[in-house]
Amino acid sequence: MNIYKLEDIKQLAPCGTAVTVGMFDGVHIGHRHILSLLRSVADEKGLMPVVVTFDRHPRQVLTEGVATHFRITTNEERSGLLAGCGVEAVVEVGFTPALAGMSACEFFEQVLVGRLGARALVLGFDNMFGSRGRNDFDRLPELAGRMGVTLHVDDAVYYCGREVSSTRIRKALQNGQTDRASAMLGRGYRMRGIVEKGRQLGRRLGFPTANVSLADTSKVWPADGVYAVWVTLADGTSGLKGMANFGAQPTFGLEKPVFEVNIFDFDADLYDSMLTVEFGPRLRDICRFEDVSTLVDQLVADRAAARRLLGGVSGNIAED
């Protein structure tokens, strides 16, 4: 799959393109349904399937207070997932005030048709683009017809009776409902970070942990809690089972959030290496224990619960 910046494109495909437009944050099961339709339309018409997306989420630019802990996938993660869905090309558009001011018909005519040679446009069931203040999205079918571009609208994909959306997935994660988020994503939610030296409290308790530093502030933080997890190491070793504490450590008087991962049946130096952690089910809330022995008893129970919930199923980190 090739990734292009819009400003670098002169001609994308002589045969023309079938395009879809969206942020595709998470590349969830609803997005994958759209991408399947995009490939079918492109194959039927002999066109190149192209995803048009943005370097930043529009809400992060236009809405105050959502710049941090908002994205389900980074741009790098999104590109890898799109490639796994059979997309041939991704065109990344810089989301600027000038772009935000374009109407839907202007964006369609100037960018999708004028720059990318669109001959077919595939939209999600609730997909819209263009300036809200200059909303002419309803005119798009008539304009597409005049310009010889076929318009295809996909059906919704449902989970528990409601449409799957990135917004629902964010809310599920923020509520600690990682099982719901995973069902809508079609995989577990993942976070990555460098292992740093911590206070080694876990090791003294018999549960050595990797203290993971989360440098990417754009990713959604799941609710504080203890989770069953799968871990992939920097060398590609994947499917390692464990449990993670995400949040404070009130028993030790630490209120600053930490992300500590205990990998089962594992003992090696991971300092300064990258870990990818895939969240399984949430085990419990974080709570303050009266003494260390009570905490250790709970950790033993947590480990048993995590092993039972993770079972013989390996994490699917390596599959994408």
Protein backbone atom coordinates (compact mmCIF):
# COMPACT_ATOMS: atom_id res chain seq x y z
CA MET A 1 0.00 0.00 0.00
CA ASN A 2 1.24 3.48 -0.88
CA ILE A 3 0.68 6.53 1.30
CA TYR A 4 0.56 9.93 -0.40
CA LYS A 5 0.33 13.52 0.73
CA LEU A 6 -2.34 15.32 -1.27
CA GLU A 7 0.01 18.13 -2.27
CA ASP A 8 2.44 15.63 -3.86
CA ILE A 9 -0.11 14.06 -6.21
CA LYS A 10 -0.19 14.94 -9.90
CA GLN A 11 -2.00 11.89 -11.24
CA LEU A 12 -2.85 8.99 -8.97
CA ALA A 13 -4.19 6.43 -11.45
CA PRO A 14 -4.76 6.82 -15.22
CA CYS A 15 -7.71 4.43 -14.95
CA GLY A 16 -9.41 6.60 -12.33
CA THR A 17 -10.14 5.91 -8.69
CA ALA A 18 -12.87 4.64 -6.41
CA VAL A 19 -12.56 6.71 -3.23
CA THR A 20 -13.94 6.77 0.27
CA VAL A 21 -13.45 9.63 2.71
CA GLY A 22 -13.15 9.53 6.47
CA MET A 23 -10.93 9.56 9.52
CA PHE A 24 -11.13 5.76 9.87
CA ASP A 25 -10.03 6.04 13.47
CA GLY A 26 -9.77 2.50 14.81
CA VAL A 27 -10.45 0.83 11.44
CA HIS A 28 -13.30 -0.96 13.21
CA ILE A 29 -15.71 -3.55 11.82
CA GLY A 30 -17.94 -0.85 10.35
CA HIS A 31 -14.97 0.69 8.55
CA ARG A 32 -13.97 -2.72 7.25
CA HIS A 33 -17.44 -3.18 5.79
CA ILE A 34 -17.03 0.12 3.91
CA LEU A 35 -13.59 -0.92 2.68
CA SER A 36 -14.98 -4.22 1.41
CA LEU A 37 -17.58 -2.30 -0.59
CA LEU A 38 -14.85 0.03 -1.87
CA ARG A 39 -12.82 -2.92 -3.18
CA SER A 40 -15.90 -4.44 -4.83
CA VAL A 41 -16.79 -1.20 -6.59
CA ALA A 42 -13.18 -0.67 -7.69
CA ASP A 43 -12.91 -4.22 -9.05
CA GLU A 44 -16.22 -3.96 -10.88
CA LYS A 45 -15.27 -0.67 -12.57
CA GLY A 46 -11.54 -1.28 -13.05
CA LEU A 47 -10.54 1.54 -10.71
CA MET A 48 -7.90 1.97 -8.02
CA PRO A 49 -9.38 1.75 -4.48
CA VAL A 50 -8.26 4.82 -2.50
CA VAL A 51 -8.89 5.96 1.07
CA VAL A 52 -8.83 9.71 1.62
CA THR A 53 -8.17 10.57 5.24
CA PHE A 54 -6.70 13.32 7.40
CA ASP A 55 -3.47 13.86 9.30
CA ARG A 56 -5.41 15.05 12.37
CA HIS A 57 -8.90 14.30 13.57
CA PRO A 58 -11.14 17.27 12.68
CA ARG A 59 -12.59 17.29 16.20
CA GLN A 60 -9.09 17.68 17.62
CA VAL A 61 -8.71 20.84 15.55
CA LEU A 62 -12.21 22.30 15.75
CA THR A 63 -13.31 21.30 19.27
CA GLU A 64 -11.54 22.60 22.34
CA GLY A 65 -10.53 20.03 24.92
CA VAL A 66 -10.22 16.85 22.79
CA ALA A 67 -6.60 17.16 21.62
CA THR A 68 -5.35 14.55 24.11
CA HIS A 69 -6.44 10.98 24.82
CA PHE A 70 -8.85 10.93 21.87
CA ARG A 71 -7.51 8.75 19.08
CA ILE A 72 -8.16 5.00 18.93
CA THR A 73 -5.30 4.50 16.47
CA THR A 74 -2.27 6.61 15.64
CA ASN A 75 -1.68 7.42 11.98
CA GLU A 76 0.94 4.67 11.84
CA GLU A 77 -1.43 2.09 13.33
CA ARG A 78 -4.24 3.20 11.04
CA SER A 79 -2.04 2.82 7.95
CA GLY A 80 -1.07 -0.72 8.92
CA LEU A 81 -4.68 -1.72 9.48
CA LEU A 82 -5.83 -0.14 6.19
CA ALA A 83 -3.12 -2.05 4.32
CA GLY A 84 -4.45 -5.25 5.88
CA CYS A 85 -7.88 -4.44 4.44
CA GLY A 86 -6.66 -4.47 0.83
CA VAL A 87 -6.44 -0.71 0.33
CA GLU A 88 -4.02 0.12 -2.50
CA ALA A 89 -3.48 3.79 -1.68
CA VAL A 90 -4.09 6.20 1.18
CA VAL A 91 -4.13 9.93 0.50
CA GLU A 92 -3.50 11.91 3.66
CA VAL A 93 -4.92 15.42 3.63
CA GLY A 94 -3.62 18.06 6.03
CA PHE A 95 -6.58 19.29 8.07
CA THR A 96 -6.21 23.07 7.99
CA PRO A 97 -8.59 26.01 8.52
CA ALA A 98 -8.75 26.41 4.72
CA LEU A 99 -9.80 22.79 4.31
CA ALA A 100 -12.31 23.10 7.14
CA GLY A 101 -13.91 25.98 5.25
CA MET A 102 -14.51 24.01 2.05
CA SER A 103 -18.05 22.87 1.37
CA ALA A 104 -18.77 19.23 0.57
CA CYS A 105 -19.30 19.98 -3.12
CA GLU A 106 -16.09 22.02 -3.32
CA PHE A 107 -14.10 19.22 -1.70
CA PHE A 108 -15.72 16.66 -3.99
CA GLU A 109 -15.12 18.67 -7.18
CA GLN A 110 -11.68 20.13 -6.43
CA VAL A 111 -10.03 17.34 -4.45
CA LEU A 112 -11.76 14.02 -5.09
CA VAL A 113 -12.45 14.51 -8.80
CA GLY A 114 -9.99 17.27 -9.75
CA ARG A 115 -6.92 15.94 -7.93
CA LEU A 116 -7.61 12.24 -7.43
CA GLY A 117 -9.60 11.36 -10.55
CA ALA A 118 -12.54 9.89 -8.65
CA ARG A 119 -15.02 7.96 -10.79
CA ALA A 120 -16.81 6.35 -7.85
CA LEU A 121 -17.42 7.58 -4.30
CA VAL A 122 -18.19 5.15 -1.47
CA LEU A 123 -19.72 6.56 1.71
CA GLY A 124 -20.63 5.09 5.07
CA PHE A 125 -24.27 5.13 6.10
CA ASP A 126 -23.73 8.30 8.21
CA ASN A 127 -20.69 9.67 6.38
CA MET A 128 -20.54 13.42 5.79
CA PHE A 129 -17.73 15.81 4.97
CA GLY A 130 -17.36 19.51 4.25
CA SER A 131 -17.88 22.69 6.25
CA ARG A 132 -20.87 22.63 8.58
CA GLY A 133 -21.32 26.33 8.02
CA ARG A 134 -21.51 25.83 4.25
CA ASN A 135 -23.40 22.56 4.31
CA ASP A 136 -24.26 21.49 0.76
CA PHE A 137 -23.80 17.74 1.27
CA ASP A 138 -27.37 17.13 0.06
CA ARG A 139 -26.36 18.44 -3.37
CA LEU A 140 -23.64 15.82 -3.73
CA PRO A 141 -25.72 13.15 -5.56
CA GLU A 142 -26.81 15.63 -8.22
CA LEU A 143 -23.25 16.97 -8.66
CA ALA A 144 -21.80 13.46 -8.82
CA GLY A 145 -24.31 12.51 -11.50
CA ARG A 146 -23.41 15.52 -13.63
CA MET A 147 -19.70 14.72 -13.31
CA GLY A 148 -20.13 11.02 -14.16
CA VAL A 149 -19.22 9.78 -10.71
CA THR A 150 -21.23 6.90 -9.25
CA LEU A 151 -22.26 7.22 -5.61
CA HIS A 152 -22.46 4.16 -3.32
CA VAL A 153 -23.74 4.30 0.28
CA ASP A 154 -22.88 1.42 2.60
CA ASP A 155 -25.18 -0.16 5.18
CA ALA A 156 -24.61 0.23 8.90
CA VAL A 157 -22.91 -2.50 10.94
CA TYR A 158 -24.52 -3.17 14.33
CA TYR A 159 -23.30 -4.31 17.73
CA CYS A 160 -25.85 -4.90 20.51
CA GLY A 161 -28.57 -3.26 18.44
CA ARG A 162 -26.73 -0.01 17.73
CA GLU A 163 -24.51 1.18 14.89
CA VAL A 164 -20.79 0.62 15.38
CA SER A 165 -18.87 3.90 15.49
CA SER A 166 -15.54 5.26 16.68
CA THR A 167 -17.44 7.36 19.23
CA ARG A 168 -19.03 4.25 20.78
CA ILE A 169 -15.63 2.56 20.95
CA ARG A 170 -14.05 5.57 22.68
CA LYS A 171 -16.84 5.64 25.25
CA ALA A 172 -16.54 1.90 25.86
CA LEU A 173 -12.81 2.24 26.52
CA GLN A 174 -13.29 5.23 28.79
CA ASN A 175 -15.84 3.18 30.74
CA GLY A 176 -13.46 0.23 31.03
CA GLN A 177 -15.65 -1.91 28.75
CA THR A 178 -12.74 -3.36 26.81
CA ASP A 179 -14.77 -6.42 25.82
CA ARG A 180 -17.31 -4.17 24.04
CA ALA A 181 -14.55 -2.13 22.44
CA SER A 182 -12.82 -5.29 21.21
CA ALA A 183 -16.05 -6.63 19.69
CA MET A 184 -16.55 -3.41 17.72
CA LEU A 185 -12.89 -3.14 16.73
CA GLY A 186 -12.65 -6.77 15.69
CA ARG A 187 -9.48 -7.02 17.80
CA GLY A 188 -8.22 -5.87 21.19
CA TYR A 189 -7.36 -2.26 21.91
CA ARG A 190 -3.61 -1.64 21.91
CA MET A 191 -1.21 0.76 23.53
CA ARG A 192 2.55 0.95 23.10
CA GLY A 193 5.35 2.42 25.15
CA ILE A 194 8.95 2.21 26.28
CA VAL A 195 9.75 0.27 29.44
CA GLU A 196 11.29 2.55 32.05
CA LYS A 197 12.76 1.81 35.45
CA GLY A 198 10.12 2.28 38.14
CA ARG A 199 10.14 1.88 41.92
CA GLN A 200 10.25 -1.94 41.59
CA LEU A 201 7.33 -2.30 43.99
CA GLY A 202 5.91 -5.21 42.00
CA ARG A 203 9.15 -7.16 42.13
CA ARG A 204 9.26 -6.85 45.92
CA LEU A 205 5.71 -8.23 46.03
CA GLY A 206 6.56 -11.18 43.81
CA PHE A 207 4.87 -9.67 40.75
CA PRO A 208 7.60 -7.99 38.69
CA THR A 209 6.16 -5.42 36.31
CA ALA A 210 7.28 -3.52 33.25
CA ASN A 211 6.69 0.19 33.83
CA VAL A 212 5.44 1.38 30.43
CA SER A 213 5.80 5.06 29.55
CA LEU A 214 3.00 6.23 27.25
CA ALA A 215 4.50 9.01 25.19
CA ASP A 216 1.61 9.30 22.71
CA THR A 217 -0.90 11.58 24.42
CA SER A 218 -3.37 11.36 21.53
CA LYS A 219 -4.44 7.78 22.33
CA VAL A 220 -7.60 7.07 24.31
CA TRP A 221 -6.89 6.05 27.88
CA PRO A 222 -9.06 3.20 29.12
CA ALA A 223 -10.70 3.59 32.52
CA ASP A 224 -8.43 3.08 35.50
CA GLY A 225 -8.38 -0.54 36.52
CA VAL A 226 -6.67 -3.90 36.41
CA TYR A 227 -6.87 -5.72 33.08
CA ALA A 228 -5.98 -9.06 31.58
CA VAL A 229 -3.63 -8.36 28.67
CA TRP A 230 -1.59 -9.85 25.86
CA VAL A 231 1.89 -8.49 25.25
CA THR A 232 4.17 -8.31 22.23
CA LEU A 233 7.88 -7.66 22.76
CA ALA A 234 10.14 -5.48 20.65
CA ASP A 235 11.66 -8.59 19.01
CA GLY A 236 8.23 -9.65 17.71
CA THR A 237 7.50 -12.29 20.34
CA SER A 238 3.72 -12.08 20.72
CA GLY A 239 0.79 -13.63 22.57
CA LEU A 240 2.43 -13.37 26.01
CA LYS A 241 -0.25 -13.30 28.70
CA GLY A 242 -0.30 -11.04 31.68
CA MET A 243 -2.18 -8.44 33.68
CA ALA A 244 -1.81 -4.68 33.83
CA ASN A 245 -2.52 -1.92 36.31
CA PHE A 246 -3.63 1.25 34.55
CA GLY A 247 -4.02 4.18 36.94
CA ALA A 248 -2.92 5.16 40.43
CA GLN A 249 -1.35 3.05 43.19
CA PRO A 250 -3.31 4.25 46.23
CA THR A 251 -1.97 1.52 48.56
CA PHE A 252 1.47 3.16 48.19
CA GLY A 253 0.15 6.73 48.19
CA LEU A 254 0.82 7.25 44.47
CA GLU A 255 -1.90 9.18 42.65
CA LYS A 256 -0.02 9.77 39.40
CA PRO A 257 -1.31 7.32 36.74
CA VAL A 258 1.04 4.48 35.86
CA PHE A 259 0.85 1.66 33.34
CA GLU A 260 2.49 -1.44 34.79
CA VAL A 261 2.39 -4.83 33.13
CA ASN A 262 3.09 -8.17 34.79
CA ILE A 263 3.89 -10.80 32.14
CA PHE A 264 3.17 -14.31 33.35
CA ASP A 265 5.98 -16.88 33.42
CA PHE A 266 8.48 -14.37 32.12
CA ASP A 267 11.73 -13.05 33.54
CA ALA A 268 13.96 -10.90 31.34
CA ASP A 269 15.32 -7.36 31.24
CA LEU A 270 12.94 -5.21 29.17
CA TYR A 271 14.29 -1.78 30.08
CA ASP A 272 14.37 0.72 27.18
CA SER A 273 12.49 -1.66 24.87
CA MET A 274 9.10 -1.15 23.25
CA LEU A 275 6.09 -3.13 24.48
CA THR A 276 2.76 -3.43 22.70
CA VAL A 277 -0.05 -4.24 25.11
CA GLU A 278 -3.44 -5.50 23.93
CA PHE A 279 -6.24 -5.14 26.47
CA GLY A 280 -8.37 -8.13 27.32
CA PRO A 281 -11.19 -8.07 29.90
CA ARG A 282 -11.15 -5.62 32.81
CA LEU A 283 -10.70 -7.51 36.07
CA ARG A 284 -11.55 -4.90 38.70
CA ASP A 285 -11.33 -1.32 39.90
CA ILE A 286 -8.18 0.07 41.41
CA CYS A 287 -8.56 0.29 45.18
CA ARG A 288 -6.57 0.99 48.30
CA PHE A 289 -5.66 -2.04 50.43
CA GLU A 290 -5.15 -1.88 54.18
CA ASP A 291 -1.83 -3.72 54.06
CA VAL A 292 0.60 -5.29 51.62
CA SER A 293 -0.40 -8.88 52.38
CA THR A 294 -4.01 -8.14 51.43
CA LEU A 295 -2.78 -6.57 48.19
CA VAL A 296 -0.67 -9.66 47.43
CA ASP A 297 -3.67 -11.93 48.03
CA GLN A 298 -5.67 -9.84 45.58
CA LEU A 299 -2.88 -9.96 42.98
CA VAL A 300 -2.83 -13.75 43.25
CA ALA A 301 -6.58 -13.78 42.62
CA ASP A 302 -6.18 -11.30 39.74
CA ARG A 303 -3.56 -13.50 38.11
CA ALA A 304 -5.79 -16.56 38.38
CA ALA A 305 -8.73 -14.63 36.89
CA ALA A 306 -6.60 -13.29 34.05
CA ARG A 307 -5.29 -16.75 33.19
CA ARG A 308 -8.84 -18.09 33.16
CA LEU A 309 -10.20 -15.27 30.99
CA LEU A 310 -7.31 -15.31 28.53
CA GLY A 311 -7.52 -19.09 28.36
CA GLY A 312 -5.77 -20.78 25.49
CA VAL A 313 -6.49 -17.91 23.12
CA SER A 314 -3.47 -15.96 21.97
CA GLY A 315 -3.68 -12.23 21.42
CA ASN A 316 -4.14 -11.19 17.80
CA ILE A 317 -1.54 -8.45 17.78
CA ALA A 318 0.61 -10.16 15.16
CA GLU A 319 -2.28 -10.78 12.76
CA ASP A 320 -2.46 -7.18 11.51
